[in-house]
Protein backbone atom coordinates (compact mmCIF):
# COMPACT_ATOMS: atom_id res chain seq x y z
CA MET A 1 -81.02 54.39 35.38
CA PRO A 2 -78.27 56.32 36.79
CA ILE A 3 -79.64 55.46 40.45
CA ARG A 4 -79.96 51.80 39.53
CA ALA A 5 -76.30 51.65 38.21
CA ALA A 6 -74.95 53.61 41.33
CA ALA A 7 -76.85 51.22 43.54
CA LEU A 8 -75.36 48.00 41.53
CA ALA A 9 -71.92 49.74 41.55
CA ARG A 10 -72.26 49.87 45.29
CA LEU A 11 -73.26 46.27 45.78
CA ARG A 12 -70.54 45.13 43.95
CA GLN A 13 -68.08 47.35 46.10
CA ILE A 14 -69.53 45.62 49.26
CA ARG A 15 -69.17 42.15 47.88
CA LYS A 16 -65.50 42.91 46.80
CA ASN A 17 -64.65 44.44 50.14
CA GLY A 18 -66.35 41.37 51.63
CA ARG A 19 -64.18 39.17 49.90
CA GLY A 20 -61.05 41.17 50.86
CA ARG A 21 -61.92 41.16 54.53
CA TRP A 22 -62.56 37.42 54.15
CA LEU A 23 -59.24 36.70 52.56
CA ARG A 24 -57.12 38.97 54.79
CA ARG A 25 -58.72 37.08 57.69
CA ALA A 26 -57.90 33.90 56.36
CA VAL A 27 -54.14 34.89 55.56
CA VAL A 28 -53.83 36.29 59.42
CA ALA A 29 -55.39 32.85 60.71
CA GLY A 30 -53.17 30.91 58.48
CA ALA A 31 -50.12 32.72 59.74
CA VAL A 32 -51.06 32.40 63.36
CA GLY A 33 -51.82 28.60 62.75
CA ALA A 34 -48.58 28.09 61.21
CA ALA A 35 -46.79 30.20 63.95
CA LEU A 36 -48.43 27.92 66.80
CA LEU A 37 -47.39 24.95 65.13
CA VAL A 38 -43.74 25.91 64.84
CA ALA A 39 -43.88 26.89 68.12
CA ALA A 40 -45.42 23.55 69.38
CA SER A 41 -43.07 21.64 67.32
CA TRP A 42 -39.97 23.44 68.63
CA GLY A 43 -41.48 23.03 72.19
CA SER A 44 -41.81 19.33 71.71
CA VAL A 45 -38.22 19.13 70.67
CA SER A 46 -37.11 20.83 73.71
CA TRP A 47 -39.18 18.47 76.05
CA ILE A 48 -37.95 15.38 74.19
CA ARG A 49 -34.16 16.61 74.44
CA SER A 50 -34.43 17.56 77.95
CA GLY A 51 -36.02 14.46 79.10
CA ALA A 52 -33.19 12.29 77.39
CA GLU A 53 -30.36 14.29 78.35
CA GLY A 54 -27.66 12.20 79.84
CA ARG A 55 -29.26 8.96 79.04
CA MET A 56 -28.20 8.20 75.44
CA HIS A 57 -25.13 5.63 75.36
CA THR A 58 -23.17 3.68 73.34
CA ALA A 59 -23.49 -0.15 73.67
CA HIS A 60 -20.18 -0.45 75.60
CA LEU A 61 -21.01 2.53 77.92
CA VAL A 62 -24.75 2.07 78.69
CA PRO A 63 -25.56 1.26 82.13
CA ASP A 64 -26.70 -2.37 83.08
CA THR A 65 -30.48 -2.86 82.96
CA PRO A 66 -32.63 -5.93 83.50
CA VAL A 67 -34.37 -5.42 79.96
CA ALA A 68 -33.56 -4.25 76.42
CA LEU A 69 -36.93 -2.93 74.91
CA VAL A 70 -36.23 -3.16 71.12
CA LEU A 71 -38.66 -0.71 68.83
CA GLY A 72 -40.18 -2.57 65.66
CA THR A 73 -39.97 -0.97 62.30
CA ARG A 74 -40.34 -2.57 58.62
CA VAL A 75 -40.19 -6.10 57.93
CA GLN A 76 -39.43 -7.04 54.46
CA PRO A 77 -42.01 -9.22 52.24
CA ASP A 78 -39.77 -12.22 52.80
CA GLY A 79 -40.17 -12.23 56.64
CA THR A 80 -36.73 -10.81 57.32
CA PRO A 81 -35.89 -7.49 59.07
CA ALA A 82 -35.07 -4.70 57.20
CA PRO A 83 -31.80 -3.06 57.49
CA PHE A 84 -32.95 -0.56 60.02
CA LEU A 85 -34.49 -3.42 62.00
CA THR A 86 -31.40 -5.78 61.63
CA ALA A 87 -29.14 -2.68 62.93
CA ARG A 88 -31.43 -2.49 66.01
CA LEU A 89 -31.44 -6.17 66.80
CA GLU A 90 -27.69 -6.50 66.24
CA ILE A 91 -27.43 -4.04 69.39
CA ALA A 92 -29.76 -5.82 71.36
CA ARG A 93 -27.87 -9.08 70.74
CA GLU A 94 -24.60 -7.36 71.79
CA LEU A 95 -25.93 -5.93 74.80
CA TYR A 96 -27.29 -9.43 75.90
CA ALA A 97 -23.83 -11.12 74.75
CA THR A 98 -21.94 -8.60 77.05
CA GLY A 99 -24.30 -8.78 80.04
CA LYS A 100 -25.73 -5.40 79.68
CA VAL A 101 -29.39 -6.89 79.72
CA GLN A 102 -30.36 -10.28 81.02
CA ALA A 103 -33.59 -10.37 78.47
CA ILE A 104 -35.02 -8.51 75.42
CA LEU A 105 -38.56 -7.31 74.90
CA VAL A 106 -39.29 -7.20 70.96
CA SER A 107 -42.07 -4.78 70.37
CA GLY A 108 -43.60 -4.36 67.04
CA ASP A 109 -46.35 -4.35 64.43
CA ASN A 110 -48.78 -7.33 64.26
CA MET A 111 -51.93 -5.84 63.15
CA ARG A 112 -52.42 -8.05 60.06
CA GLN A 113 -51.68 -11.53 59.92
CA GLU A 114 -49.64 -11.50 57.20
CA TYR A 115 -47.22 -9.25 58.94
CA ASN A 116 -45.32 -9.77 61.99
CA GLU A 117 -42.48 -7.89 63.13
CA PRO A 118 -42.19 -9.24 66.72
CA GLU A 119 -41.61 -12.90 65.16
CA ALA A 120 -39.26 -11.59 62.67
CA MET A 121 -37.41 -10.07 65.43
CA GLN A 122 -37.38 -13.04 67.37
CA ARG A 123 -36.00 -15.44 64.70
CA TRP A 124 -33.40 -13.07 64.28
CA LEU A 125 -32.14 -12.87 67.75
CA ILE A 126 -32.56 -16.86 68.07
CA GLU A 127 -30.64 -17.24 65.08
CA HIS A 128 -27.69 -15.12 66.11
CA GLY A 129 -27.32 -16.62 69.48
CA VAL A 130 -29.94 -15.18 71.98
CA PRO A 131 -31.78 -17.77 73.84
CA ALA A 132 -35.12 -18.19 73.10
CA ASP A 133 -36.40 -18.36 76.50
CA LYS A 134 -34.84 -14.59 76.88
CA VAL A 135 -36.51 -13.35 74.04
CA VAL A 136 -40.46 -11.83 74.91
CA LEU A 137 -42.81 -10.69 72.39
CA ASP A 138 -44.99 -7.86 72.39
CA TYR A 139 -47.34 -7.92 69.18
CA ALA A 140 -49.21 -4.62 69.88
CA GLY A 141 -46.27 -1.95 69.67
CA PHE A 142 -48.03 -0.08 67.11
CA ASP A 143 -45.72 2.90 67.87
CA THR A 144 -43.48 4.24 70.34
CA TYR A 145 -45.89 5.28 73.13
CA ASP A 146 -47.71 2.12 72.68
CA SER A 147 -44.47 -0.02 73.15
CA CYS A 148 -43.53 2.07 76.29
CA ALA A 149 -47.00 1.79 77.67
CA ARG A 150 -47.24 -1.75 77.11
CA ALA A 151 -43.74 -2.35 78.57
CA LYS A 152 -44.77 -0.64 81.67
CA ARG A 153 -48.61 -1.81 82.13
CA ILE A 154 -48.64 -4.82 80.16
CA PHE A 155 -45.05 -6.61 80.90
CA GLY A 156 -44.20 -4.96 84.23
CA VAL A 157 -40.95 -3.38 83.00
CA ASP A 158 -39.67 -0.83 85.42
CA ARG A 159 -35.99 -0.33 83.99
CA ALA A 160 -35.12 -0.85 80.28
CA THR A 161 -32.52 -0.14 77.72
CA LEU A 162 -34.04 1.40 74.69
CA VAL A 163 -32.93 0.06 71.30
CA THR A 164 -33.63 2.31 68.04
CA GLN A 165 -31.71 4.53 65.46
CA GLN A 166 -30.15 7.45 66.93
CA PHE A 167 -32.53 10.03 65.43
CA HIS A 168 -35.51 8.34 67.13
CA LEU A 169 -33.93 7.45 70.50
CA ALA A 170 -34.11 10.99 72.29
CA ARG A 171 -37.99 10.45 71.81
CA ALA A 172 -38.26 7.14 72.82
CA VAL A 173 -36.55 7.51 76.00
CA THR A 174 -38.41 10.64 76.91
CA VAL A 175 -41.68 8.91 76.07
CA CYS A 176 -40.80 5.89 78.11
CA ARG A 177 -39.62 7.68 81.05
CA HIS A 178 -43.06 10.08 81.41
CA LEU A 179 -44.69 6.51 80.99
CA GLY A 180 -43.04 5.25 84.29
CA VAL A 181 -40.14 3.12 82.60
CA ASP A 182 -36.42 4.13 84.06
CA ALA A 183 -35.13 4.32 80.66
CA VAL A 184 -31.54 4.75 78.89
CA GLY A 185 -30.94 4.10 75.73
CA VAL A 186 -28.40 2.81 72.63
CA GLY A 187 -28.77 4.28 69.33
CA ASP A 188 -27.76 2.73 65.98
CA GLU A 189 -25.63 4.90 63.59
CA THR A 190 -24.94 2.28 60.86
CA ALA A 191 -28.04 2.64 59.06
CA ARG A 192 -26.82 6.10 58.07
CA GLU A 193 -25.23 4.61 54.95
CA TYR A 194 -28.99 4.45 53.55
CA GLY A 195 -28.49 8.38 53.39
CA ARG A 196 -32.08 9.38 51.58
CA THR A 197 -34.06 7.02 53.94
CA TRP A 198 -32.24 7.97 57.02
CA GLN A 199 -32.74 11.76 56.12
CA PHE A 200 -36.49 11.39 55.47
CA ALA A 201 -37.03 9.38 58.82
CA ALA A 202 -34.83 11.93 60.73
CA ALA A 203 -37.14 15.02 59.19
CA ARG A 204 -40.21 12.86 60.42
CA GLU A 205 -39.08 13.13 64.11
CA TYR A 206 -40.65 16.93 64.12
CA GLY A 207 -44.07 15.74 63.63
CA ALA A 208 -43.47 12.51 65.51
CA GLY A 209 -42.10 14.73 68.66
CA LEU A 210 -45.24 16.71 68.31
CA LYS A 211 -47.35 13.76 68.42
CA ALA A 212 -45.39 11.95 71.33
CA ALA A 213 -45.89 15.12 73.41
CA LEU A 214 -49.77 14.93 72.71
CA ASP A 215 -50.00 11.47 73.73
CA VAL A 216 -48.19 12.06 76.74
CA LEU A 217 -50.30 14.91 77.87
CA SER A 218 -53.56 13.05 77.09
CA GLY A 219 -52.41 10.03 78.73
CA ARG A 220 -54.09 7.61 76.41
CA ASP A 221 -54.44 4.29 76.57
CA PRO A 222 -52.57 2.08 74.02
CA VAL A 223 -54.59 0.76 71.12
CA HIS A 224 -54.66 -2.71 72.88
CA LEU A 225 -53.86 -3.43 76.42
CA GLY A 226 -55.22 -6.73 77.76
CA PRO A 227 -53.94 -8.61 80.79
CA ARG A 228 -50.72 -8.68 82.55
CA GLU A 229 -48.11 -10.80 81.04
CA THR A 230 -45.29 -12.67 83.24
CA GLY A 231 -42.75 -13.39 80.13
CA VAL A 232 -40.49 -10.67 81.14
CA HIS A 233 -40.28 -11.82 84.50
CA ASP A 234 -40.04 -15.36 83.42
CA ALA A 235 -37.05 -14.45 81.16
CA LEU A 236 -35.41 -12.84 83.93
CA ARG A 237 -35.93 -15.81 86.42
CA THR A 238 -34.49 -18.33 83.62
CA GLY A 239 -30.65 -19.01 83.51
C-alpha cells in the first residue's frame, strides 16, 4: 500500500507540474503575442503618419487636383447621409464650388440592394448645386483600400483630393499613395460635436491602420474589380 500511494502521489505531482508548465507557456505566448501586436500597431501608425506628412490641408489651402474622392460611410434608413457623411459631402461641394476640383468620385457600399451609399451621396451633391455630370459613382468602395484601388485601377484616377473625417485622413492618403494615386486630403472636424461616436471611430484607427498595412503589403485585389470605367474622364471633359 505505501508503494501504491507513493506512486499515485508521484503521478499527481507529474500532472500538476505538467499543467503548471502548460500554463506558464500559455502566459509567455500570450505576452509575446500581445507585445508583437502592440509593436505592429505602432509600426502601422508610424507608416501612416509618414505617408501622409505634408499632404493634409484645409479646404482653402489644399492644392488643386482633378478629382475629389469622397469615401463613404453610414447612410440613414431613409436614404439620407448620416452626419459624418454629410460633413464629407459639404467639403466636396466646397472644393468643387471653389474650383479646387473638377469632378467628384463618390465611393461607398452598395453590397445590399436596400443600402446604397453612392446614390445617397450623389443625390445630396446634386441637391446642393453640383452638376449631375460631375458626380461619378463607385458602388464597390467597401473599405478605404478598395476605394483607393478602384479609383486607380477602374476609374483611372492618378491625382485626387481625399475627403473624409480628420481621424481617418492620414490612413486614406497613405493607402491611396501606395496604390498609385498621388493623393492629398481634406479632413472634416465638424463631426467632433458627436463626441462619443467620434472618439469610438478615432480609437478604431489603430486596428484599421494595422489592417491597411497588411492590405498594402499583400497587394490584394479589391473585393470587386470589373472593367475600366470612363466616368471620371468623361466628367473632366464636360463643361
